[in-house]
N, C-alpha and C. Protein backbone atom coordinates (compact mmCIF):
# COMPACT_ATOMS: atom_id res chain seq x y z
N MET A 1 247.87 -156.46 -0.12
CA MET A 1 248.33 -155.68 0.99
C MET A 1 249.50 -156.42 1.63
N GLU A 2 250.63 -155.80 1.58
CA GLU A 2 251.84 -156.45 2.08
C GLU A 2 251.98 -156.37 3.59
N LYS A 3 251.77 -155.18 4.11
CA LYS A 3 252.11 -154.95 5.50
C LYS A 3 250.91 -154.38 6.22
N ARG A 4 250.65 -154.85 7.42
CA ARG A 4 249.57 -154.32 8.23
C ARG A 4 250.06 -154.23 9.66
N ASP A 5 250.05 -153.04 10.22
CA ASP A 5 250.51 -152.82 11.58
C ASP A 5 249.40 -152.19 12.40
N LYS A 6 249.34 -152.54 13.64
CA LYS A 6 248.46 -151.88 14.59
C LYS A 6 249.36 -150.97 15.42
N ILE A 7 249.06 -149.68 15.44
CA ILE A 7 249.89 -148.76 16.22
C ILE A 7 249.04 -148.11 17.29
N ASP A 8 249.66 -147.27 18.11
CA ASP A 8 248.97 -146.60 19.20
C ASP A 8 247.69 -145.91 18.74
N HIS A 9 246.72 -145.78 19.63
CA HIS A 9 245.46 -145.07 19.42
C HIS A 9 244.55 -145.76 18.42
N GLY A 10 244.77 -147.01 18.13
CA GLY A 10 243.87 -147.75 17.26
C GLY A 10 244.01 -147.46 15.78
N TYR A 11 245.10 -146.86 15.36
CA TYR A 11 245.33 -146.59 13.95
C TYR A 11 245.86 -147.84 13.28
N ASN A 12 245.35 -148.14 12.11
CA ASN A 12 245.88 -149.24 11.30
C ASN A 12 246.65 -148.64 10.14
N ILE A 13 247.79 -149.25 9.82
CA ILE A 13 248.59 -148.79 8.69
C ILE A 13 248.80 -149.97 7.76
N GLU A 14 248.55 -149.74 6.48
CA GLU A 14 248.78 -150.77 5.47
C GLU A 14 249.52 -150.14 4.30
N ILE A 15 250.34 -150.92 3.63
CA ILE A 15 251.00 -150.48 2.40
C ILE A 15 250.30 -151.19 1.25
N ILE A 16 249.84 -150.41 0.27
CA ILE A 16 249.10 -150.97 -0.87
C ILE A 16 249.68 -150.43 -2.18
N SER A 17 249.19 -150.96 -3.28
CA SER A 17 249.52 -150.41 -4.59
C SER A 17 248.82 -149.07 -4.72
N CYS A 18 249.56 -148.07 -5.12
CA CYS A 18 249.00 -146.72 -5.28
C CYS A 18 247.97 -146.73 -6.41
N PRO A 19 246.80 -146.14 -6.19
CA PRO A 19 245.79 -146.07 -7.24
C PRO A 19 246.24 -145.21 -8.43
N SER A 20 247.23 -144.36 -8.23
CA SER A 20 247.70 -143.47 -9.29
C SER A 20 248.89 -144.05 -10.06
N CYS A 21 249.99 -144.37 -9.34
CA CYS A 21 251.22 -144.82 -10.01
C CYS A 21 251.39 -146.34 -10.01
N LEU A 22 250.52 -147.05 -9.27
CA LEU A 22 250.52 -148.51 -9.18
C LEU A 22 251.72 -149.11 -8.47
N GLU A 23 252.60 -148.29 -7.91
CA GLU A 23 253.74 -148.78 -7.12
C GLU A 23 253.24 -149.22 -5.74
N GLU A 24 253.92 -150.15 -5.12
CA GLU A 24 253.60 -150.60 -3.76
C GLU A 24 254.15 -149.58 -2.76
N SER A 25 253.65 -148.37 -2.84
CA SER A 25 254.21 -147.29 -2.03
C SER A 25 253.16 -146.40 -1.38
N ALA A 26 251.91 -146.81 -1.45
CA ALA A 26 250.85 -146.00 -0.85
C ALA A 26 250.57 -146.49 0.57
N LYS A 27 250.58 -145.57 1.50
CA LYS A 27 250.30 -145.89 2.89
C LYS A 27 248.84 -145.56 3.17
N VAL A 28 248.12 -146.55 3.68
CA VAL A 28 246.73 -146.37 4.08
C VAL A 28 246.70 -146.31 5.60
N VAL A 29 246.19 -145.22 6.13
CA VAL A 29 246.02 -145.07 7.58
C VAL A 29 244.53 -145.03 7.84
N SER A 30 244.05 -145.96 8.67
CA SER A 30 242.63 -145.98 9.01
C SER A 30 242.46 -145.98 10.52
N HIS A 31 241.33 -145.46 10.94
CA HIS A 31 241.07 -145.32 12.37
C HIS A 31 239.57 -145.25 12.59
N ILE A 32 239.07 -145.99 13.55
CA ILE A 32 237.66 -145.89 13.92
C ILE A 32 237.53 -144.73 14.91
N LEU A 33 236.67 -143.78 14.55
CA LEU A 33 236.48 -142.59 15.37
C LEU A 33 235.27 -142.75 16.29
N ASP A 34 235.30 -142.09 17.40
CA ASP A 34 234.16 -142.06 18.32
C ASP A 34 233.37 -140.79 18.03
N ILE A 35 232.34 -140.94 17.19
CA ILE A 35 231.53 -139.79 16.78
C ILE A 35 230.10 -140.06 17.20
N PRO A 36 229.46 -139.10 17.86
CA PRO A 36 228.06 -139.29 18.26
C PRO A 36 227.19 -139.63 17.05
N TYR A 37 226.17 -140.47 17.27
CA TYR A 37 225.19 -140.88 16.27
C TYR A 37 225.71 -141.95 15.31
N TYR A 38 226.97 -142.36 15.43
CA TYR A 38 227.51 -143.39 14.56
C TYR A 38 228.08 -144.50 15.42
N ASP A 39 227.88 -145.74 14.99
CA ASP A 39 228.46 -146.87 15.71
C ASP A 39 229.94 -146.99 15.40
N ASP A 40 230.28 -147.13 14.13
CA ASP A 40 231.66 -147.28 13.70
C ASP A 40 231.91 -146.34 12.54
N PHE A 41 232.54 -145.24 12.81
CA PHE A 41 232.82 -144.23 11.78
C PHE A 41 234.32 -144.26 11.54
N ALA A 42 234.71 -144.57 10.32
CA ALA A 42 236.12 -144.75 10.01
C ALA A 42 236.67 -143.57 9.23
N MET A 43 237.89 -143.21 9.56
CA MET A 43 238.65 -142.21 8.80
C MET A 43 239.71 -143.00 8.04
N ILE A 44 239.81 -142.72 6.74
CA ILE A 44 240.79 -143.41 5.90
C ILE A 44 241.58 -142.39 5.11
N ASN A 45 242.90 -142.46 5.22
CA ASN A 45 243.80 -141.58 4.45
C ASN A 45 244.74 -142.46 3.63
N ILE A 46 244.94 -142.06 2.38
CA ILE A 46 245.89 -142.75 1.51
C ILE A 46 246.89 -141.71 1.02
N ALA A 47 248.17 -142.03 1.13
CA ALA A 47 249.23 -141.13 0.68
C ALA A 47 250.35 -141.96 0.05
N CYS A 48 250.76 -141.56 -1.16
CA CYS A 48 251.85 -142.25 -1.85
C CYS A 48 253.11 -141.39 -1.79
N ASP A 49 254.18 -141.96 -1.26
CA ASP A 49 255.45 -141.24 -1.17
C ASP A 49 256.13 -141.07 -2.52
N LYS A 50 255.82 -141.94 -3.46
CA LYS A 50 256.49 -141.88 -4.77
C LYS A 50 255.90 -140.82 -5.70
N CYS A 51 254.57 -140.80 -5.85
CA CYS A 51 253.97 -139.88 -6.83
C CYS A 51 253.23 -138.71 -6.18
N GLY A 52 253.04 -138.74 -4.86
CA GLY A 52 252.37 -137.64 -4.18
C GLY A 52 250.86 -137.76 -4.12
N TYR A 53 250.29 -138.83 -4.62
CA TYR A 53 248.83 -139.03 -4.58
C TYR A 53 248.35 -138.99 -3.14
N ARG A 54 247.24 -138.29 -2.91
CA ARG A 54 246.66 -138.20 -1.58
C ARG A 54 245.14 -138.17 -1.69
N THR A 55 244.50 -138.85 -0.76
CA THR A 55 243.05 -138.79 -0.66
C THR A 55 242.66 -139.16 0.76
N SER A 56 241.49 -138.73 1.17
CA SER A 56 240.98 -139.12 2.48
C SER A 56 239.47 -139.24 2.38
N ASP A 57 238.93 -140.04 3.28
CA ASP A 57 237.48 -140.21 3.29
C ASP A 57 237.06 -140.60 4.70
N PHE A 58 235.79 -140.40 4.96
CA PHE A 58 235.16 -140.83 6.20
C PHE A 58 234.01 -141.73 5.80
N MET A 59 233.80 -142.79 6.55
CA MET A 59 232.66 -143.64 6.21
C MET A 59 232.13 -144.32 7.45
N ASN A 60 230.82 -144.45 7.46
CA ASN A 60 230.15 -145.18 8.51
C ASN A 60 230.17 -146.64 8.08
N THR A 61 230.82 -147.48 8.86
CA THR A 61 230.99 -148.87 8.45
C THR A 61 229.75 -149.71 8.69
N LYS A 62 228.74 -149.18 9.38
CA LYS A 62 227.54 -149.97 9.66
C LYS A 62 226.30 -149.46 8.93
N SER A 63 226.06 -148.18 8.91
CA SER A 63 224.84 -147.65 8.31
C SER A 63 225.13 -147.13 6.91
N LYS A 64 224.40 -147.64 5.94
CA LYS A 64 224.62 -147.22 4.57
C LYS A 64 223.36 -146.62 3.94
N ASP A 65 222.35 -146.33 4.73
CA ASP A 65 221.14 -145.73 4.19
C ASP A 65 221.42 -144.27 3.82
N PRO A 66 220.81 -143.79 2.73
CA PRO A 66 220.98 -142.37 2.36
C PRO A 66 220.49 -141.47 3.49
N ILE A 67 221.10 -140.30 3.59
CA ILE A 67 220.66 -139.33 4.61
C ILE A 67 220.33 -138.00 3.95
N LYS A 68 219.44 -137.29 4.58
CA LYS A 68 219.18 -135.89 4.26
C LYS A 68 218.80 -135.23 5.57
N MET A 69 219.64 -134.29 6.00
CA MET A 69 219.44 -133.61 7.28
C MET A 69 219.43 -132.12 7.07
N GLU A 70 218.74 -131.43 7.95
CA GLU A 70 218.67 -129.97 7.88
C GLU A 70 218.96 -129.42 9.27
N TYR A 71 219.81 -128.42 9.31
CA TYR A 71 220.11 -127.76 10.59
C TYR A 71 219.73 -126.30 10.47
N ASN A 72 218.92 -125.83 11.40
CA ASN A 72 218.48 -124.44 11.41
C ASN A 72 219.41 -123.62 12.29
N VAL A 73 220.21 -122.78 11.64
CA VAL A 73 221.18 -121.94 12.34
C VAL A 73 220.44 -120.68 12.78
N GLU A 74 220.38 -120.49 14.11
CA GLU A 74 219.60 -119.38 14.64
C GLU A 74 220.44 -118.27 15.26
N ASN A 75 221.56 -118.63 15.88
CA ASN A 75 222.38 -117.61 16.53
C ASN A 75 223.78 -118.13 16.78
N ILE A 76 224.57 -117.35 17.46
CA ILE A 76 225.98 -117.65 17.71
C ILE A 76 226.17 -118.99 18.42
N ASN A 77 225.16 -119.45 19.18
CA ASN A 77 225.26 -120.74 19.87
C ASN A 77 225.41 -121.91 18.90
N ASP A 78 225.02 -121.69 17.65
CA ASP A 78 225.08 -122.74 16.64
C ASP A 78 226.45 -122.85 15.95
N GLU A 79 227.36 -121.94 16.22
CA GLU A 79 228.62 -121.91 15.48
C GLU A 79 229.48 -123.15 15.69
N THR A 80 229.29 -123.87 16.77
CA THR A 80 230.10 -125.07 17.00
C THR A 80 229.50 -126.32 16.36
N THR A 81 228.37 -126.19 15.70
CA THR A 81 227.82 -127.31 14.93
C THR A 81 228.84 -127.74 13.91
N LYS A 82 229.03 -129.04 13.79
CA LYS A 82 230.03 -129.57 12.84
C LYS A 82 229.33 -130.33 11.73
N ILE A 83 229.88 -130.21 10.55
CA ILE A 83 229.40 -130.93 9.39
C ILE A 83 230.51 -131.89 8.97
N VAL A 84 230.19 -133.16 8.91
CA VAL A 84 231.11 -134.17 8.36
C VAL A 84 230.57 -134.46 6.97
N ARG A 85 231.36 -134.11 5.95
CA ARG A 85 230.92 -134.36 4.57
C ARG A 85 231.82 -135.42 3.95
N SER A 86 231.20 -136.51 3.54
CA SER A 86 231.95 -137.58 2.88
C SER A 86 232.18 -137.20 1.42
N SER A 87 232.88 -138.06 0.73
CA SER A 87 233.19 -137.79 -0.67
C SER A 87 231.96 -137.77 -1.57
N GLN A 88 230.82 -138.26 -1.07
CA GLN A 88 229.59 -138.25 -1.85
C GLN A 88 228.56 -137.25 -1.33
N GLY A 89 228.89 -136.56 -0.25
CA GLY A 89 227.94 -135.65 0.38
C GLY A 89 227.79 -134.31 -0.34
N ILE A 90 226.61 -133.76 -0.22
CA ILE A 90 226.31 -132.44 -0.76
C ILE A 90 225.85 -131.57 0.41
N VAL A 91 226.42 -130.36 0.51
CA VAL A 91 226.04 -129.41 1.55
C VAL A 91 225.41 -128.21 0.85
N ARG A 92 224.22 -127.83 1.31
CA ARG A 92 223.51 -126.69 0.70
C ARG A 92 223.17 -125.64 1.76
N ILE A 93 223.26 -124.39 1.34
CA ILE A 93 222.74 -123.29 2.13
C ILE A 93 221.74 -122.59 1.22
N PRO A 94 220.46 -122.96 1.32
CA PRO A 94 219.44 -122.45 0.39
C PRO A 94 219.34 -120.93 0.36
N GLU A 95 219.50 -120.28 1.50
CA GLU A 95 219.38 -118.83 1.55
C GLU A 95 220.44 -118.14 0.69
N LEU A 96 221.57 -118.79 0.48
CA LEU A 96 222.63 -118.24 -0.36
C LEU A 96 222.56 -118.76 -1.79
N GLY A 97 221.73 -119.80 -2.00
CA GLY A 97 221.69 -120.43 -3.30
C GLY A 97 222.99 -121.14 -3.61
N ILE A 98 223.62 -121.71 -2.56
CA ILE A 98 224.94 -122.34 -2.68
C ILE A 98 224.83 -123.83 -2.41
N SER A 99 225.49 -124.62 -3.24
CA SER A 99 225.66 -126.06 -3.03
C SER A 99 227.14 -126.38 -3.10
N ILE A 100 227.62 -127.14 -2.13
CA ILE A 100 228.99 -127.64 -2.15
C ILE A 100 228.87 -129.11 -2.51
N GLU A 101 229.28 -129.44 -3.72
CA GLU A 101 229.08 -130.78 -4.24
C GLU A 101 230.41 -131.52 -4.39
N PRO A 102 230.34 -132.85 -4.45
CA PRO A 102 231.56 -133.63 -4.65
C PRO A 102 232.25 -133.22 -5.95
N ASN A 103 233.57 -133.18 -5.92
CA ASN A 103 234.30 -132.79 -7.13
C ASN A 103 235.07 -133.94 -7.74
N GLY A 104 234.80 -135.15 -7.29
CA GLY A 104 235.40 -136.32 -7.91
C GLY A 104 236.78 -136.70 -7.39
N ASP A 105 237.35 -135.90 -6.48
CA ASP A 105 238.69 -136.24 -5.98
C ASP A 105 238.65 -136.98 -4.66
N GLY A 106 237.46 -137.39 -4.23
CA GLY A 106 237.35 -138.14 -2.99
C GLY A 106 237.54 -137.29 -1.76
N SER A 107 237.44 -135.96 -1.90
CA SER A 107 237.70 -135.10 -0.75
C SER A 107 236.57 -135.16 0.27
N THR A 108 236.97 -135.30 1.51
CA THR A 108 236.04 -135.27 2.63
C THR A 108 236.54 -134.23 3.62
N TRP A 109 235.66 -133.76 4.47
CA TRP A 109 236.09 -132.80 5.47
C TRP A 109 235.15 -132.76 6.65
N ILE A 110 235.66 -132.20 7.73
CA ILE A 110 234.87 -131.88 8.92
C ILE A 110 235.06 -130.40 9.16
N ARG A 111 233.97 -129.65 9.20
CA ARG A 111 234.06 -128.20 9.43
C ARG A 111 232.93 -127.76 10.34
N ASN A 112 233.20 -126.69 11.08
CA ASN A 112 232.11 -126.08 11.81
C ASN A 112 231.44 -125.06 10.88
N ILE A 113 230.38 -124.44 11.34
CA ILE A 113 229.64 -123.51 10.48
C ILE A 113 230.51 -122.35 10.05
N GLU A 114 231.30 -121.82 10.96
CA GLU A 114 232.20 -120.72 10.62
C GLU A 114 233.14 -121.12 9.48
N GLY A 115 233.68 -122.33 9.53
CA GLY A 115 234.58 -122.81 8.50
C GLY A 115 233.91 -122.95 7.14
N ILE A 116 232.67 -123.44 7.13
CA ILE A 116 231.94 -123.58 5.87
C ILE A 116 231.68 -122.21 5.26
N LEU A 117 231.25 -121.26 6.10
CA LEU A 117 230.95 -119.91 5.59
C LEU A 117 232.22 -119.22 5.09
N GLU A 118 233.33 -119.43 5.77
CA GLU A 118 234.60 -118.84 5.32
C GLU A 118 235.04 -119.45 3.99
N ASP A 119 234.86 -120.75 3.84
CA ASP A 119 235.16 -121.42 2.57
C ASP A 119 234.34 -120.81 1.43
N ILE A 120 233.06 -120.64 1.68
CA ILE A 120 232.17 -120.06 0.67
C ILE A 120 232.62 -118.65 0.33
N LYS A 121 233.00 -117.88 1.35
CA LYS A 121 233.47 -116.52 1.12
C LYS A 121 234.67 -116.50 0.18
N GLN A 122 235.65 -117.38 0.45
CA GLN A 122 236.85 -117.43 -0.39
C GLN A 122 236.51 -117.78 -1.84
N LYS A 123 235.59 -118.71 -2.02
CA LYS A 123 235.19 -119.10 -3.38
C LYS A 123 234.43 -117.97 -4.07
N LEU A 124 233.61 -117.26 -3.33
CA LEU A 124 232.89 -116.13 -3.91
C LEU A 124 233.85 -115.00 -4.30
N MET A 125 234.89 -114.79 -3.50
CA MET A 125 235.88 -113.76 -3.83
C MET A 125 236.58 -114.10 -5.16
N VAL A 126 236.89 -115.37 -5.35
CA VAL A 126 237.49 -115.81 -6.61
C VAL A 126 236.50 -115.59 -7.76
N SER A 127 235.24 -115.94 -7.53
CA SER A 127 234.21 -115.74 -8.56
C SER A 127 234.07 -114.26 -8.91
N LYS A 128 234.16 -113.41 -7.91
CA LYS A 128 234.04 -111.97 -8.15
C LYS A 128 235.18 -111.47 -9.03
N ARG A 129 236.40 -111.94 -8.73
CA ARG A 129 237.56 -111.53 -9.53
C ARG A 129 237.47 -112.00 -10.98
N HIS A 130 236.84 -113.16 -11.17
CA HIS A 130 236.78 -113.74 -12.51
C HIS A 130 235.44 -113.51 -13.20
N ALA A 131 234.59 -112.68 -12.62
CA ALA A 131 233.28 -112.40 -13.23
C ALA A 131 233.49 -111.83 -14.64
N GLU A 132 232.70 -112.35 -15.57
CA GLU A 132 232.86 -111.96 -16.97
C GLU A 132 232.13 -110.68 -17.34
N ASN A 133 231.16 -110.28 -16.51
CA ASN A 133 230.44 -109.04 -16.81
C ASN A 133 229.94 -108.41 -15.52
N SER A 134 229.41 -107.22 -15.64
CA SER A 134 228.99 -106.47 -14.45
C SER A 134 227.78 -107.11 -13.77
N ASP A 135 226.91 -107.75 -14.53
CA ASP A 135 225.75 -108.42 -13.94
C ASP A 135 226.19 -109.58 -13.05
N GLU A 136 227.13 -110.36 -13.55
CA GLU A 136 227.68 -111.47 -12.79
C GLU A 136 228.38 -110.96 -11.52
N LYS A 137 229.13 -109.91 -11.66
CA LYS A 137 229.85 -109.32 -10.52
C LYS A 137 228.86 -108.81 -9.47
N ARG A 138 227.77 -108.21 -9.92
CA ARG A 138 226.74 -107.68 -9.01
C ARG A 138 226.10 -108.82 -8.21
N LYS A 139 225.83 -109.94 -8.88
CA LYS A 139 225.23 -111.09 -8.20
C LYS A 139 226.16 -111.64 -7.12
N VAL A 140 227.44 -111.71 -7.44
CA VAL A 140 228.42 -112.21 -6.46
C VAL A 140 228.50 -111.24 -5.28
N LYS A 141 228.53 -109.94 -5.55
CA LYS A 141 228.57 -108.95 -4.46
C LYS A 141 227.36 -109.08 -3.56
N SER A 142 226.20 -109.33 -4.15
CA SER A 142 224.98 -109.50 -3.38
C SER A 142 225.07 -110.72 -2.46
N ARG A 143 225.60 -111.83 -2.98
CA ARG A 143 225.78 -113.03 -2.16
C ARG A 143 226.79 -112.78 -1.05
N LEU A 144 227.86 -112.04 -1.35
CA LEU A 144 228.86 -111.72 -0.33
C LEU A 144 228.26 -110.89 0.79
N LYS A 145 227.39 -109.96 0.45
CA LYS A 145 226.74 -109.12 1.45
C LYS A 145 225.85 -109.98 2.35
N LEU A 146 225.07 -110.88 1.74
CA LEU A 146 224.22 -111.78 2.52
C LEU A 146 225.09 -112.70 3.38
N LEU A 147 226.15 -113.21 2.80
CA LEU A 147 227.06 -114.09 3.54
C LEU A 147 227.62 -113.40 4.77
N LYS A 148 227.98 -112.14 4.63
CA LYS A 148 228.52 -111.38 5.76
C LYS A 148 227.52 -111.35 6.92
N SER A 149 226.25 -111.16 6.62
CA SER A 149 225.24 -111.14 7.69
C SER A 149 225.06 -112.52 8.31
N LEU A 150 225.24 -113.58 7.51
CA LEU A 150 225.17 -114.94 8.07
C LEU A 150 226.37 -115.21 8.97
N GLN A 151 227.55 -114.73 8.56
CA GLN A 151 228.75 -114.93 9.37
C GLN A 151 228.65 -114.23 10.72
N LYS A 152 227.90 -113.14 10.77
CA LYS A 152 227.71 -112.42 12.04
C LYS A 152 226.50 -112.94 12.80
N PHE A 153 225.84 -113.97 12.27
CA PHE A 153 224.64 -114.56 12.86
C PHE A 153 223.54 -113.51 13.03
N GLU A 154 223.46 -112.58 12.09
CA GLU A 154 222.41 -111.56 12.11
C GLU A 154 221.12 -112.08 11.47
N ARG A 155 221.22 -113.15 10.72
CA ARG A 155 220.06 -113.75 10.05
C ARG A 155 220.07 -115.25 10.29
N LYS A 156 218.89 -115.80 10.40
CA LYS A 156 218.77 -117.26 10.50
C LYS A 156 218.98 -117.85 9.11
N PHE A 157 219.56 -119.05 9.08
CA PHE A 157 219.72 -119.75 7.81
C PHE A 157 219.74 -121.24 8.04
N THR A 158 219.78 -121.98 6.96
CA THR A 158 219.66 -123.44 7.01
C THR A 158 220.86 -124.08 6.32
N ILE A 159 221.33 -125.17 6.91
CA ILE A 159 222.34 -125.99 6.26
C ILE A 159 221.70 -127.36 6.03
N VAL A 160 221.71 -127.80 4.77
CA VAL A 160 221.15 -129.09 4.40
C VAL A 160 222.30 -129.98 3.95
N VAL A 161 222.32 -131.20 4.46
CA VAL A 161 223.33 -132.18 4.07
C VAL A 161 222.60 -133.40 3.50
N GLU A 162 222.97 -133.78 2.28
CA GLU A 162 222.44 -134.98 1.64
C GLU A 162 223.60 -135.88 1.27
N ASP A 163 223.40 -137.19 1.44
CA ASP A 163 224.45 -138.12 1.09
C ASP A 163 223.84 -139.48 0.76
N PRO A 164 223.94 -139.89 -0.49
CA PRO A 164 223.39 -141.21 -0.86
C PRO A 164 224.11 -142.37 -0.18
N SER A 165 225.36 -142.15 0.25
CA SER A 165 226.11 -143.22 0.92
C SER A 165 225.82 -143.27 2.42
N GLY A 166 225.18 -142.25 2.96
CA GLY A 166 224.89 -142.21 4.40
C GLY A 166 226.09 -141.90 5.26
N ASN A 167 227.18 -141.43 4.67
CA ASN A 167 228.42 -141.22 5.41
C ASN A 167 228.68 -139.77 5.82
N SER A 168 227.76 -138.87 5.54
CA SER A 168 227.89 -137.49 6.00
C SER A 168 226.94 -137.31 7.18
N ILE A 169 227.21 -136.31 7.98
CA ILE A 169 226.34 -136.08 9.15
C ILE A 169 226.50 -134.64 9.63
N ILE A 170 225.48 -134.17 10.31
CA ILE A 170 225.54 -132.89 11.03
C ILE A 170 225.62 -133.23 12.51
N LEU A 171 226.63 -132.71 13.18
CA LEU A 171 226.78 -132.88 14.63
C LEU A 171 226.34 -131.57 15.27
N PRO A 172 225.10 -131.52 15.76
CA PRO A 172 224.50 -130.26 16.17
C PRO A 172 224.98 -129.71 17.50
N ALA A 173 225.10 -128.39 17.56
CA ALA A 173 225.34 -127.72 18.83
C ALA A 173 224.04 -127.69 19.63
N VAL A 174 222.94 -127.51 18.91
CA VAL A 174 221.61 -127.48 19.54
C VAL A 174 220.78 -128.57 18.86
N VAL A 175 220.58 -129.68 19.56
CA VAL A 175 219.93 -130.86 18.99
C VAL A 175 218.55 -130.53 18.43
N GLU A 176 217.82 -129.64 19.07
CA GLU A 176 216.47 -129.30 18.62
C GLU A 176 216.46 -128.62 17.25
N ASN A 177 217.59 -128.10 16.80
CA ASN A 177 217.66 -127.42 15.50
C ASN A 177 217.95 -128.37 14.35
N LEU A 178 218.12 -129.66 14.65
CA LEU A 178 218.45 -130.65 13.64
C LEU A 178 217.19 -131.43 13.27
N VAL A 179 216.94 -131.57 11.96
CA VAL A 179 215.79 -132.30 11.45
C VAL A 179 216.29 -133.31 10.43
N SER A 180 215.87 -134.57 10.60
CA SER A 180 216.18 -135.59 9.60
C SER A 180 215.06 -135.56 8.57
N LEU A 181 215.42 -135.43 7.30
CA LEU A 181 214.43 -135.32 6.23
C LEU A 181 214.20 -136.65 5.51
N ILE A 182 214.98 -137.65 5.85
CA ILE A 182 214.76 -139.00 5.29
C ILE A 182 214.58 -139.95 6.43
């Protein structure tokens, strides 16, 4: 690491060898976030100006125990619940038969329930367009119909987050609806 600067708001910037092109042109920006339930939760972004490589991750720098949490979504009051999914986290909505699993690119995200449901909707629309037969298309349409009722909070549903690294979390709108399963 050649250069390390401390800038406003507690962000650290370092220049490193890019994991993709190996040039000394990747900028690492890290920042300790103030997130409830975590002592030191870090956000890390890497971006290379030369080859365009980009990745980001979130990690709890103190707790590394695996987690499994379940949030019971009951009504519109739950829509502000946030899910922080690390690059190793899995998010499931059992009622939809949907799992959002790591895809190997180190992608992490923070989304509220509305954002997760909208993401699922977009992916289901793509699946519907690419369905190979009418049975497959019918199954996707059925999931879309159920998803629509979940988006309107007409039905209760569950969001399960599992992460062997312990770096994902559910930030509940209603604390009583959150259950730790590990």
